[in-house]
């Protein structure tokens, strides 16, 4: 997910964009209890909603499919004020506690 999001930054954000990558473990409340998750966030300050799709890849679609197969969630959207953000939350371990 992080690699694909960084590739998208290179393709769409513009040369002057900067990018932040965050990876961390968290505990969240979910139906049926609490669970440990891995959260990854890739955000840039590039063109955001103004970026055009070059039609050559499956970046966001592929990320969405892979995250869903792992039982996680993906949110990818322009950031308020400019730029773009991809946030993935993936379950860790053997289940709920």
Foldseek 3Di string as FASTA:
>chain_A
DVVLVVVCCVVWFDDPKDKDKDWDWDWDADVPAIFIKIKIKIKMQGAFPNTDDPPPDCRVVVVQVVLVVQVKHWDWGADVPGIIMIMIIGTDDDDHD
